[in-house]
Amino acid sequence: MRLGDIAHARAGDKGDISQISVIAHDPADYPRLAASVTVGQIARHFVDLPAEAIDRYELPALGALSFVLHGALDGGVTRSLALDIHGKTLSSQLLDLEIDDGCTP
């Protein structure tokens, strides 16, 4: 299943740091999000980003996870020649992440 099937996301930036929030559509799906979306998966999904480190913050009261990708924006808005200098499309890209659907074979 795609992450976008159970969640929506929003990205923000500060300098060369990208912050991506992933929020469950249904709060009942938060435990699945928390178990399925790891720092390792984020790093593999964004393997082409120059992220130096990734932090994960859990926000169960909001049904959300927050990921901070340090160095992901290649110098930041005023220094990058990238087409998406703010990293806003990263949230949409993350929603294509394949996660466990919770069903056991």
Protein backbone atom coordinates (compact mmCIF):
# COMPACT_ATOMS: atom_id res chain seq x y z
CA MET A 1 0.00 0.00 0.00
CA ARG A 2 1.13 3.57 -0.64
CA LEU A 3 1.65 5.87 2.30
CA GLY A 4 -0.67 8.33 0.53
CA ASP A 5 -3.52 5.83 0.94
CA ILE A 6 -3.64 6.50 4.69
CA ALA A 7 -1.91 9.86 5.15
CA HIS A 8 -1.27 13.31 3.75
CA ALA A 9 1.95 15.29 4.03
CA ARG A 10 3.29 18.83 4.14
CA ALA A 11 6.86 20.04 3.64
CA GLY A 12 8.57 23.18 4.87
CA ASP A 13 12.10 24.54 4.75
CA LYS A 14 14.59 26.57 6.72
CA GLY A 15 17.95 27.10 5.06
CA ASP A 16 19.08 23.74 3.73
CA ILE A 17 16.82 21.78 6.12
CA SER A 18 13.61 20.19 4.88
CA GLN A 19 10.89 19.27 7.35
CA ILE A 20 8.17 16.86 6.24
CA SER A 21 5.08 16.12 8.33
CA VAL A 22 3.09 12.96 7.62
CA ILE A 23 -0.43 13.01 9.08
CA ALA A 24 -2.82 10.06 9.21
CA HIS A 25 -6.20 10.69 7.55
CA ASP A 26 -7.76 8.57 10.31
CA PRO A 27 -6.18 8.75 13.78
CA ALA A 28 -6.74 4.98 14.05
CA ASP A 29 -4.03 4.56 11.39
CA TYR A 30 -1.36 6.39 13.43
CA PRO A 31 0.07 3.18 14.96
CA ARG A 32 0.57 1.81 11.43
CA LEU A 33 2.32 5.04 10.42
CA ALA A 34 4.55 4.96 13.50
CA ALA A 35 5.52 1.34 12.87
CA SER A 36 5.91 1.57 9.10
CA VAL A 37 7.59 4.89 8.32
CA THR A 38 11.12 4.81 9.68
CA VAL A 39 14.18 7.01 9.28
CA GLY A 40 15.77 4.20 7.25
CA GLN A 41 12.84 4.10 4.85
CA ILE A 42 12.95 7.88 4.44
CA ALA A 43 16.71 7.73 3.72
CA ARG A 44 16.22 4.98 1.12
CA HIS A 45 13.24 6.74 -0.46
CA PHE A 46 15.21 9.99 -0.81
CA VAL A 47 18.53 8.33 -1.64
CA ASP A 48 19.40 11.06 -4.18
CA LEU A 49 19.07 13.89 -1.65
CA PRO A 50 22.26 15.12 0.01
CA ALA A 51 20.73 14.73 3.50
CA GLU A 52 23.42 14.52 6.19
CA ALA A 53 21.06 13.29 8.92
CA ILE A 54 17.36 12.62 9.41
CA ASP A 55 15.49 13.10 12.69
CA ARG A 56 12.07 11.62 13.39
CA TYR A 57 9.59 13.09 15.85
CA GLU A 58 6.41 11.30 16.90
CA LEU A 59 3.25 13.34 17.51
CA PRO A 60 0.63 10.75 18.52
CA ALA A 61 -1.88 13.34 19.79
CA LEU A 62 -1.93 14.75 16.25
CA GLY A 63 -1.68 11.37 14.49
CA ALA A 64 1.50 12.60 12.83
CA LEU A 65 5.20 12.01 12.30
CA SER A 66 7.66 14.79 11.57
CA PHE A 67 10.91 14.20 9.71
CA VAL A 68 13.72 16.74 9.64
CA LEU A 69 16.18 16.20 6.78
CA HIS A 70 19.37 18.13 7.51
CA GLY A 71 21.28 19.30 4.44
CA ALA A 72 18.61 18.00 2.07
CA LEU A 73 18.12 21.23 0.10
CA ASP A 74 21.62 21.51 -1.31
CA GLY A 75 22.60 24.76 0.35
CA GLY A 76 19.14 26.24 0.80
CA VAL A 77 16.87 28.55 -1.12
CA THR A 78 19.38 31.29 -1.83
CA ARG A 79 22.17 28.92 -2.90
CA SER A 80 20.55 26.05 -4.75
CA LEU A 81 19.98 25.83 -8.50
CA ALA A 82 17.45 23.02 -7.98
CA LEU A 83 14.01 23.41 -9.57
CA ASP A 84 12.32 22.85 -6.20
CA ILE A 85 14.54 24.99 -3.99
CA HIS A 86 12.03 25.00 -1.11
CA GLY A 87 11.61 21.20 -1.23
CA LYS A 88 7.83 21.48 -1.34
CA THR A 89 7.43 18.50 -3.68
CA LEU A 90 9.22 16.20 -1.21
CA SER A 91 5.95 15.68 0.69
CA SER A 92 4.21 14.48 -2.49
CA GLN A 93 7.14 12.23 -3.33
CA LEU A 94 7.07 10.73 0.15
CA LEU A 95 3.41 9.75 -0.23
CA ASP A 96 4.50 7.28 -2.95
CA LEU A 97 6.44 5.30 -0.30
CA GLU A 98 5.29 1.69 -0.15
CA ILE A 99 4.41 0.62 3.39
CA ASP A 100 3.15 -2.58 5.00
CA ASP A 101 -0.59 -2.84 4.49
CA GLY A 102 -1.05 -4.50 7.88
CA CYS A 103 -2.20 -7.78 6.37
CA THR A 104 -0.23 -10.92 7.08
CA PRO A 105 -0.05 -13.51 4.31
